Amino acid sequence: MSRPSIPKGKAGTSDALARTLRAFVQMLPILLGMLLLTSLILAWLPRTQLLALFGKHASLDVLLGAVLGSVAMGHPLASYILGGELLAGGVSLIAVTALIVSWVTVGVVQFPAEALLLGRRFALTRNLLCFVSAIAIAYLTVGMMRLLG
């Protein structure tokens, strides 16, 4: 696919700025919908109910943490607060680690927007790799903590 030629200088800059602005305006409804859906999911899952879900078995906890983090994607700073609350509530480190890593890297809610903008195959591959990595990182973190402590 050939890219259209863009003139250099001031004309090229203003043309590129206009194209960028048009692309942003076209993406805005998708981004707003994704943010609203994420907020609804987070409001639907109160933190006290999250505590009750964990503690059954370590391998189930890590999987549950990764799944919840994937669906309830959020900002890294918020994940530290949530992780601290879950640890203080008795949730295992492996489950909290999986939740935090998937919270930041996997985006089930934003998948439609990502697939539209970057391609379905890319979005699916990235999300699957991040999901598997979140579980692997959780096990590695707990293993390292046992070695160090």
N, C-alpha and C. Protein backbone atom coordinates (compact mmCIF):
# COMPACT_ATOMS: atom_id res chain seq x y z
N MET A 1 0.85 -1.17 0.00
CA MET A 1 0.00 0.00 0.00
C MET A 1 0.90 1.23 0.00
N SER A 2 0.77 2.06 -0.99
CA SER A 2 1.61 3.25 -1.06
C SER A 2 0.98 4.39 -0.29
N ARG A 3 1.85 5.15 0.35
CA ARG A 3 1.37 6.28 1.13
C ARG A 3 1.31 7.51 0.23
N PRO A 4 0.31 8.35 0.44
CA PRO A 4 0.24 9.56 -0.37
C PRO A 4 1.41 10.47 -0.04
N SER A 5 1.90 11.16 -1.07
CA SER A 5 3.02 12.06 -0.84
C SER A 5 2.54 13.30 -0.09
N ILE A 6 3.34 13.69 0.88
CA ILE A 6 3.02 14.86 1.69
C ILE A 6 4.04 15.94 1.37
N PRO A 7 3.58 17.11 1.00
CA PRO A 7 4.52 18.18 0.70
C PRO A 7 5.35 18.55 1.92
N LYS A 8 6.56 19.00 1.69
CA LYS A 8 7.44 19.37 2.79
C LYS A 8 7.24 20.84 3.13
N GLY A 9 7.74 21.22 4.29
CA GLY A 9 7.64 22.61 4.72
C GLY A 9 6.35 22.88 5.47
N LYS A 10 5.93 24.14 5.46
CA LYS A 10 4.73 24.55 6.20
C LYS A 10 3.48 23.87 5.66
N ALA A 11 3.40 23.73 4.35
CA ALA A 11 2.22 23.09 3.76
C ALA A 11 2.12 21.63 4.20
N GLY A 12 3.25 20.95 4.26
CA GLY A 12 3.26 19.55 4.69
C GLY A 12 2.89 19.41 6.15
N THR A 13 3.39 20.33 6.96
CA THR A 13 3.08 20.29 8.38
C THR A 13 1.60 20.51 8.64
N SER A 14 1.04 21.50 7.97
CA SER A 14 -0.39 21.78 8.18
C SER A 14 -1.25 20.65 7.62
N ASP A 15 -0.81 20.04 6.52
CA ASP A 15 -1.55 18.90 5.96
C ASP A 15 -1.50 17.70 6.91
N ALA A 16 -0.34 17.44 7.48
CA ALA A 16 -0.20 16.33 8.43
C ALA A 16 -1.02 16.60 9.69
N LEU A 17 -1.03 17.83 10.15
CA LEU A 17 -1.81 18.19 11.33
C LEU A 17 -3.30 18.01 11.07
N ALA A 18 -3.76 18.39 9.88
CA ALA A 18 -5.17 18.24 9.53
C ALA A 18 -5.55 16.76 9.46
N ARG A 19 -4.68 15.93 8.89
CA ARG A 19 -4.96 14.49 8.82
C ARG A 19 -5.01 13.86 10.21
N THR A 20 -4.09 14.27 11.05
CA THR A 20 -4.06 13.75 12.41
C THR A 20 -5.31 14.14 13.17
N LEU A 21 -5.73 15.37 13.02
CA LEU A 21 -6.94 15.84 13.69
C LEU A 21 -8.17 15.08 13.21
N ARG A 22 -8.27 14.85 11.90
CA ARG A 22 -9.39 14.07 11.35
C ARG A 22 -9.40 12.65 11.91
N ALA A 23 -8.21 12.02 11.96
CA ALA A 23 -8.12 10.66 12.49
C ALA A 23 -8.53 10.62 13.96
N PHE A 24 -8.10 11.62 14.73
CA PHE A 24 -8.45 11.68 16.14
C PHE A 24 -9.96 11.85 16.33
N VAL A 25 -10.56 12.70 15.54
CA VAL A 25 -12.00 12.93 15.64
C VAL A 25 -12.76 11.65 15.29
N GLN A 26 -12.26 10.89 14.31
CA GLN A 26 -12.91 9.64 13.94
C GLN A 26 -12.77 8.58 15.04
N MET A 27 -11.65 8.59 15.77
CA MET A 27 -11.41 7.61 16.83
C MET A 27 -12.09 7.99 18.14
N LEU A 28 -12.46 9.23 18.32
CA LEU A 28 -13.00 9.72 19.59
C LEU A 28 -14.21 8.93 20.09
N PRO A 29 -15.20 8.64 19.25
CA PRO A 29 -16.34 7.85 19.76
C PRO A 29 -15.92 6.46 20.25
N ILE A 30 -14.97 5.84 19.57
CA ILE A 30 -14.50 4.52 19.98
C ILE A 30 -13.79 4.62 21.32
N LEU A 31 -12.92 5.61 21.47
CA LEU A 31 -12.18 5.78 22.72
C LEU A 31 -13.11 6.11 23.88
N LEU A 32 -14.09 6.97 23.65
CA LEU A 32 -15.04 7.30 24.71
C LEU A 32 -15.86 6.09 25.12
N GLY A 33 -16.29 5.31 24.16
CA GLY A 33 -17.05 4.10 24.46
C GLY A 33 -16.22 3.12 25.27
N MET A 34 -14.95 2.97 24.91
CA MET A 34 -14.06 2.07 25.63
C MET A 34 -13.88 2.54 27.08
N LEU A 35 -13.68 3.84 27.28
CA LEU A 35 -13.51 4.37 28.63
C LEU A 35 -14.78 4.21 29.47
N LEU A 36 -15.93 4.45 28.86
CA LEU A 36 -17.19 4.29 29.59
C LEU A 36 -17.43 2.83 29.97
N LEU A 37 -17.14 1.92 29.07
CA LEU A 37 -17.32 0.50 29.35
C LEU A 37 -16.38 0.04 30.47
N THR A 38 -15.14 0.51 30.45
CA THR A 38 -14.19 0.18 31.51
C THR A 38 -14.69 0.69 32.85
N SER A 39 -15.20 1.91 32.88
CA SER A 39 -15.73 2.48 34.12
C SER A 39 -16.92 1.69 34.65
N LEU A 40 -17.77 1.25 33.75
CA LEU A 40 -18.92 0.44 34.18
C LEU A 40 -18.48 -0.88 34.79
N ILE A 41 -17.49 -1.52 34.19
CA ILE A 41 -17.01 -2.79 34.70
C ILE A 41 -16.38 -2.60 36.08
N LEU A 42 -15.59 -1.54 36.24
CA LEU A 42 -14.96 -1.29 37.53
C LEU A 42 -16.00 -0.97 38.60
N ALA A 43 -17.04 -0.26 38.25
CA ALA A 43 -18.09 0.05 39.22
C ALA A 43 -18.90 -1.20 39.56
N TRP A 44 -19.01 -2.12 38.63
CA TRP A 44 -19.78 -3.33 38.83
C TRP A 44 -19.08 -4.32 39.76
N LEU A 45 -17.75 -4.26 39.82
CA LEU A 45 -16.97 -5.18 40.64
C LEU A 45 -16.39 -4.46 41.85
N PRO A 46 -17.12 -4.33 42.93
CA PRO A 46 -16.58 -3.69 44.13
C PRO A 46 -15.40 -4.49 44.68
N ARG A 47 -14.47 -3.80 45.31
CA ARG A 47 -13.25 -4.44 45.82
C ARG A 47 -13.54 -5.49 46.89
N THR A 48 -14.56 -5.29 47.69
CA THR A 48 -14.87 -6.28 48.73
C THR A 48 -15.32 -7.60 48.13
N GLN A 49 -16.02 -7.54 47.01
CA GLN A 49 -16.43 -8.78 46.35
C GLN A 49 -15.24 -9.46 45.68
N LEU A 50 -14.25 -8.66 45.25
CA LEU A 50 -13.05 -9.25 44.67
C LEU A 50 -12.33 -10.11 45.69
N LEU A 51 -12.28 -9.66 46.92
CA LEU A 51 -11.62 -10.42 47.98
C LEU A 51 -12.25 -11.79 48.17
N ALA A 52 -13.56 -11.86 48.05
CA ALA A 52 -14.26 -13.12 48.26
C ALA A 52 -14.00 -14.13 47.13
N LEU A 53 -13.61 -13.66 45.96
CA LEU A 53 -13.38 -14.56 44.83
C LEU A 53 -12.09 -15.36 44.97
N PHE A 54 -11.11 -14.79 45.66
CA PHE A 54 -9.79 -15.41 45.74
C PHE A 54 -9.66 -16.31 46.95
N GLY A 55 -8.60 -17.12 46.97
CA GLY A 55 -8.27 -17.94 48.12
C GLY A 55 -8.65 -19.40 47.98
N LYS A 56 -9.20 -19.79 46.85
CA LYS A 56 -9.61 -21.18 46.68
C LYS A 56 -8.40 -22.08 46.42
N HIS A 57 -7.58 -21.72 45.44
CA HIS A 57 -6.41 -22.51 45.06
C HIS A 57 -5.47 -21.58 44.31
N ALA A 58 -4.16 -21.75 44.50
CA ALA A 58 -3.17 -20.82 43.92
C ALA A 58 -3.26 -20.76 42.39
N SER A 59 -3.39 -21.91 41.73
CA SER A 59 -3.44 -21.90 40.26
C SER A 59 -4.74 -21.28 39.75
N LEU A 60 -5.83 -21.47 40.48
CA LEU A 60 -7.08 -20.81 40.10
C LEU A 60 -7.01 -19.31 40.39
N ASP A 61 -6.34 -18.94 41.48
CA ASP A 61 -6.20 -17.53 41.83
C ASP A 61 -5.42 -16.76 40.77
N VAL A 62 -4.34 -17.36 40.29
CA VAL A 62 -3.53 -16.66 39.28
C VAL A 62 -4.32 -16.51 37.98
N LEU A 63 -5.07 -17.52 37.62
CA LEU A 63 -5.89 -17.44 36.41
C LEU A 63 -7.02 -16.42 36.58
N LEU A 64 -7.66 -16.45 37.73
CA LEU A 64 -8.73 -15.49 38.02
C LEU A 64 -8.19 -14.06 38.04
N GLY A 65 -7.02 -13.87 38.65
CA GLY A 65 -6.40 -12.55 38.68
C GLY A 65 -6.10 -12.04 37.28
N ALA A 66 -5.56 -12.91 36.43
CA ALA A 66 -5.24 -12.51 35.06
C ALA A 66 -6.51 -12.18 34.26
N VAL A 67 -7.55 -12.97 34.45
CA VAL A 67 -8.81 -12.72 33.72
C VAL A 67 -9.45 -11.40 34.18
N LEU A 68 -9.53 -11.20 35.50
CA LEU A 68 -10.13 -9.96 36.01
C LEU A 68 -9.33 -8.74 35.59
N GLY A 69 -8.02 -8.85 35.65
CA GLY A 69 -7.18 -7.74 35.22
C GLY A 69 -7.33 -7.44 33.73
N SER A 70 -7.53 -8.47 32.93
CA SER A 70 -7.70 -8.29 31.49
C SER A 70 -9.00 -7.56 31.16
N VAL A 71 -10.04 -7.88 31.90
CA VAL A 71 -11.34 -7.27 31.64
C VAL A 71 -11.43 -5.87 32.23
N ALA A 72 -10.90 -5.70 33.43
CA ALA A 72 -11.02 -4.42 34.13
C ALA A 72 -9.77 -3.58 33.94
N MET A 73 -9.34 -3.43 32.72
CA MET A 73 -8.12 -2.69 32.42
C MET A 73 -8.14 -1.31 33.06
N GLY A 74 -6.99 -0.89 33.55
CA GLY A 74 -6.91 0.41 34.19
C GLY A 74 -5.52 1.01 34.16
N HIS A 75 -5.38 2.10 34.85
CA HIS A 75 -4.13 2.85 34.91
C HIS A 75 -3.17 2.18 35.90
N PRO A 76 -1.86 2.19 35.63
CA PRO A 76 -0.90 1.56 36.54
C PRO A 76 -0.97 2.09 37.97
N LEU A 77 -1.15 3.39 38.15
CA LEU A 77 -1.21 3.93 39.51
C LEU A 77 -2.40 3.36 40.29
N ALA A 78 -3.52 3.19 39.63
CA ALA A 78 -4.68 2.61 40.30
C ALA A 78 -4.44 1.14 40.64
N SER A 79 -3.65 0.46 39.83
CA SER A 79 -3.38 -0.96 40.10
C SER A 79 -2.57 -1.15 41.36
N TYR A 80 -1.68 -0.21 41.67
CA TYR A 80 -0.89 -0.33 42.90
C TYR A 80 -1.80 -0.22 44.12
N ILE A 81 -2.74 0.68 44.08
CA ILE A 81 -3.69 0.84 45.19
C ILE A 81 -4.54 -0.41 45.33
N LEU A 82 -5.09 -0.87 44.22
CA LEU A 82 -5.92 -2.08 44.24
C LEU A 82 -5.11 -3.28 44.72
N GLY A 83 -3.88 -3.42 44.22
CA GLY A 83 -3.02 -4.52 44.63
C GLY A 83 -2.72 -4.50 46.12
N GLY A 84 -2.45 -3.30 46.65
CA GLY A 84 -2.20 -3.17 48.09
C GLY A 84 -3.41 -3.56 48.91
N GLU A 85 -4.59 -3.15 48.46
CA GLU A 85 -5.82 -3.51 49.18
C GLU A 85 -6.06 -5.01 49.13
N LEU A 86 -5.82 -5.62 47.99
CA LEU A 86 -6.04 -7.06 47.86
C LEU A 86 -5.04 -7.83 48.72
N LEU A 87 -3.77 -7.41 48.72
CA LEU A 87 -2.77 -8.07 49.57
C LEU A 87 -3.13 -7.92 51.05
N ALA A 88 -3.55 -6.73 51.44
CA ALA A 88 -3.96 -6.50 52.83
C ALA A 88 -5.19 -7.33 53.18
N GLY A 89 -6.03 -7.63 52.20
CA GLY A 89 -7.22 -8.44 52.44
C GLY A 89 -6.96 -9.93 52.42
N GLY A 90 -5.72 -10.33 52.20
CA GLY A 90 -5.39 -11.75 52.25
C GLY A 90 -5.28 -12.45 50.91
N VAL A 91 -5.37 -11.73 49.81
CA VAL A 91 -5.24 -12.35 48.49
C VAL A 91 -3.75 -12.65 48.27
N SER A 92 -3.46 -13.79 47.66
CA SER A 92 -2.08 -14.22 47.47
C SER A 92 -1.32 -13.29 46.52
N LEU A 93 0.00 -13.23 46.72
CA LEU A 93 0.86 -12.39 45.88
C LEU A 93 0.80 -12.80 44.43
N ILE A 94 0.70 -14.09 44.16
CA ILE A 94 0.67 -14.55 42.78
C ILE A 94 -0.59 -14.06 42.06
N ALA A 95 -1.71 -14.07 42.75
CA ALA A 95 -2.97 -13.60 42.15
C ALA A 95 -2.92 -12.09 41.93
N VAL A 96 -2.40 -11.36 42.90
CA VAL A 96 -2.32 -9.90 42.78
C VAL A 96 -1.36 -9.50 41.67
N THR A 97 -0.24 -10.21 41.55
CA THR A 97 0.72 -9.91 40.49
C THR A 97 0.10 -10.16 39.12
N ALA A 98 -0.58 -11.28 38.96
CA ALA A 98 -1.23 -11.58 37.68
C ALA A 98 -2.28 -10.52 37.36
N LEU A 99 -3.04 -10.11 38.37
CA LEU A 99 -4.07 -9.09 38.15
C LEU A 99 -3.45 -7.77 37.72
N ILE A 100 -2.40 -7.34 38.42
CA ILE A 100 -1.79 -6.04 38.11
C ILE A 100 -1.16 -6.04 36.72
N VAL A 101 -0.41 -7.09 36.40
CA VAL A 101 0.26 -7.13 35.09
C VAL A 101 -0.77 -7.18 33.96
N SER A 102 -1.80 -7.99 34.11
CA SER A 102 -2.81 -8.06 33.05
C SER A 102 -3.66 -6.79 33.03
N TRP A 103 -3.87 -6.17 34.19
CA TRP A 103 -4.62 -4.91 34.29
C TRP A 103 -3.99 -3.84 33.40
N VAL A 104 -2.66 -3.82 33.39
CA VAL A 104 -1.94 -2.78 32.66
C VAL A 104 -1.68 -3.16 31.20
N THR A 105 -1.53 -4.46 30.90
CA THR A 105 -1.09 -4.84 29.55
C THR A 105 -2.18 -5.41 28.65
N VAL A 106 -3.14 -6.12 29.22
CA VAL A 106 -4.18 -6.77 28.39
C VAL A 106 -5.40 -5.85 28.36
N GLY A 107 -6.08 -5.81 27.25
CA GLY A 107 -7.25 -4.95 27.15
C GLY A 107 -8.41 -5.58 26.43
N VAL A 108 -9.19 -6.38 27.13
CA VAL A 108 -10.36 -7.01 26.51
C VAL A 108 -11.38 -5.95 26.12
N VAL A 109 -11.57 -4.97 27.00
CA VAL A 109 -12.56 -3.93 26.73
C VAL A 109 -12.14 -3.07 25.54
N GLN A 110 -10.86 -2.81 25.42
CA GLN A 110 -10.40 -1.96 24.32
C GLN A 110 -10.08 -2.74 23.05
N PHE A 111 -10.29 -4.06 23.07
CA PHE A 111 -9.97 -4.89 21.91
C PHE A 111 -10.64 -4.43 20.62
N PRO A 112 -11.93 -4.11 20.62
CA PRO A 112 -12.54 -3.67 19.36
C PRO A 112 -11.88 -2.42 18.78
N ALA A 113 -11.55 -1.47 19.63
CA ALA A 113 -10.88 -0.26 19.15
C ALA A 113 -9.48 -0.58 18.63
N GLU A 114 -8.77 -1.41 19.36
CA GLU A 114 -7.41 -1.78 18.95
C GLU A 114 -7.44 -2.56 17.64
N ALA A 115 -8.39 -3.47 17.50
CA ALA A 115 -8.51 -4.25 16.26
C ALA A 115 -8.85 -3.35 15.08
N LEU A 116 -9.71 -2.37 15.31
CA LEU A 116 -10.09 -1.45 14.25
C LEU A 116 -8.91 -0.59 13.80
N LEU A 117 -8.14 -0.14 14.77
CA LEU A 117 -7.05 0.78 14.46
C LEU A 117 -5.76 0.08 14.03
N LEU A 118 -5.47 -1.08 14.61
CA LEU A 118 -4.18 -1.73 14.36
C LEU A 118 -4.30 -3.08 13.66
N GLY A 119 -5.51 -3.56 13.49
CA GLY A 119 -5.72 -4.84 12.84
C GLY A 119 -6.09 -5.92 13.85
N ARG A 120 -7.02 -6.75 13.46
CA ARG A 120 -7.55 -7.79 14.35
C ARG A 120 -6.47 -8.80 14.75
N ARG A 121 -5.67 -9.23 13.79
CA ARG A 121 -4.63 -10.23 14.07
C ARG A 121 -3.60 -9.68 15.07
N PHE A 122 -3.16 -8.44 14.85
CA PHE A 122 -2.21 -7.82 15.76
C PHE A 122 -2.80 -7.70 17.17
N ALA A 123 -4.02 -7.20 17.27
CA ALA A 123 -4.65 -7.00 18.57
C ALA A 123 -4.82 -8.33 19.31
N LEU A 124 -5.24 -9.36 18.61
CA LEU A 124 -5.43 -10.67 19.23
C LEU A 124 -4.09 -11.25 19.69
N THR A 125 -3.08 -11.18 18.84
CA THR A 125 -1.76 -11.70 19.19
C THR A 125 -1.17 -10.95 20.38
N ARG A 126 -1.27 -9.63 20.38
CA ARG A 126 -0.73 -8.84 21.47
C ARG A 126 -1.43 -9.16 22.79
N ASN A 127 -2.75 -9.24 22.76
CA ASN A 127 -3.50 -9.52 23.99
C ASN A 127 -3.22 -10.93 24.52
N LEU A 128 -3.14 -11.91 23.64
CA LEU A 128 -2.84 -13.28 24.09
C LEU A 128 -1.43 -13.37 24.68
N LEU A 129 -0.46 -12.75 24.00
CA LEU A 129 0.91 -12.77 24.53
C LEU A 129 0.99 -12.06 25.89
N CYS A 130 0.30 -10.96 26.02
CA CYS A 130 0.30 -10.23 27.30
C CYS A 130 -0.40 -11.03 28.39
N PHE A 131 -1.45 -11.75 28.06
CA PHE A 131 -2.16 -12.56 29.04
C PHE A 131 -1.27 -13.69 29.55
N VAL A 132 -0.65 -14.41 28.63
CA VAL A 132 0.25 -15.50 29.01
C VAL A 132 1.44 -14.94 29.79
N SER A 133 1.96 -13.80 29.36
CA SER A 133 3.08 -13.18 30.06
C SER A 133 2.70 -12.76 31.48
N ALA A 134 1.49 -12.29 31.67
CA ALA A 134 1.05 -11.90 33.01
C ALA A 134 1.07 -13.08 33.96
N ILE A 135 0.64 -14.24 33.49
CA ILE A 135 0.66 -15.44 34.32
C ILE A 135 2.10 -15.87 34.59
N ALA A 136 2.94 -15.86 33.55
CA ALA A 136 4.34 -16.24 33.73
C ALA A 136 5.06 -15.29 34.69
N ILE A 137 4.82 -14.01 34.56
CA ILE A 137 5.44 -13.02 35.45
C ILE A 137 4.98 -13.22 36.89
N ALA A 138 3.73 -13.57 37.07
CA ALA A 138 3.22 -13.81 38.43
C ALA A 138 3.97 -14.97 39.07
N TYR A 139 4.14 -16.08 38.34
CA TYR A 139 4.88 -17.22 38.88
C TYR A 139 6.35 -16.87 39.12
N LEU A 140 6.96 -16.13 38.19
CA LEU A 140 8.36 -15.73 38.36
C LEU A 140 8.53 -14.80 39.56
N THR A 141 7.60 -13.90 39.76
CA THR A 141 7.68 -12.97 40.89
C THR A 141 7.64 -13.72 42.21
N VAL A 142 6.69 -14.62 42.35
CA VAL A 142 6.58 -15.41 43.59
C VAL A 142 7.81 -16.28 43.77
N GLY A 143 8.31 -16.88 42.70
CA GLY A 143 9.52 -17.69 42.79
C GLY A 143 10.73 -16.88 43.24
N MET A 144 10.87 -15.67 42.70
CA MET A 144 11.99 -14.80 43.09
C MET A 144 11.84 -14.36 44.54
N MET A 145 10.63 -14.07 44.97
CA MET A 145 10.41 -13.67 46.36
C MET A 145 10.77 -14.80 47.32
N ARG A 146 10.49 -16.04 46.92
CA ARG A 146 10.86 -17.19 47.77
C ARG A 146 12.38 -17.35 47.83
N LEU A 147 13.06 -17.12 46.70
CA LEU A 147 14.52 -17.22 46.67
C LEU A 147 15.17 -16.14 47.52
N LEU A 148 14.60 -14.94 47.47
CA LEU A 148 15.18 -13.81 48.19
C LEU A 148 14.80 -13.78 49.67
N GLY A 149 13.70 -14.40 50.01
CA GLY A 149 13.22 -14.18 51.35
C GLY A 149 13.16 -15.31 52.24
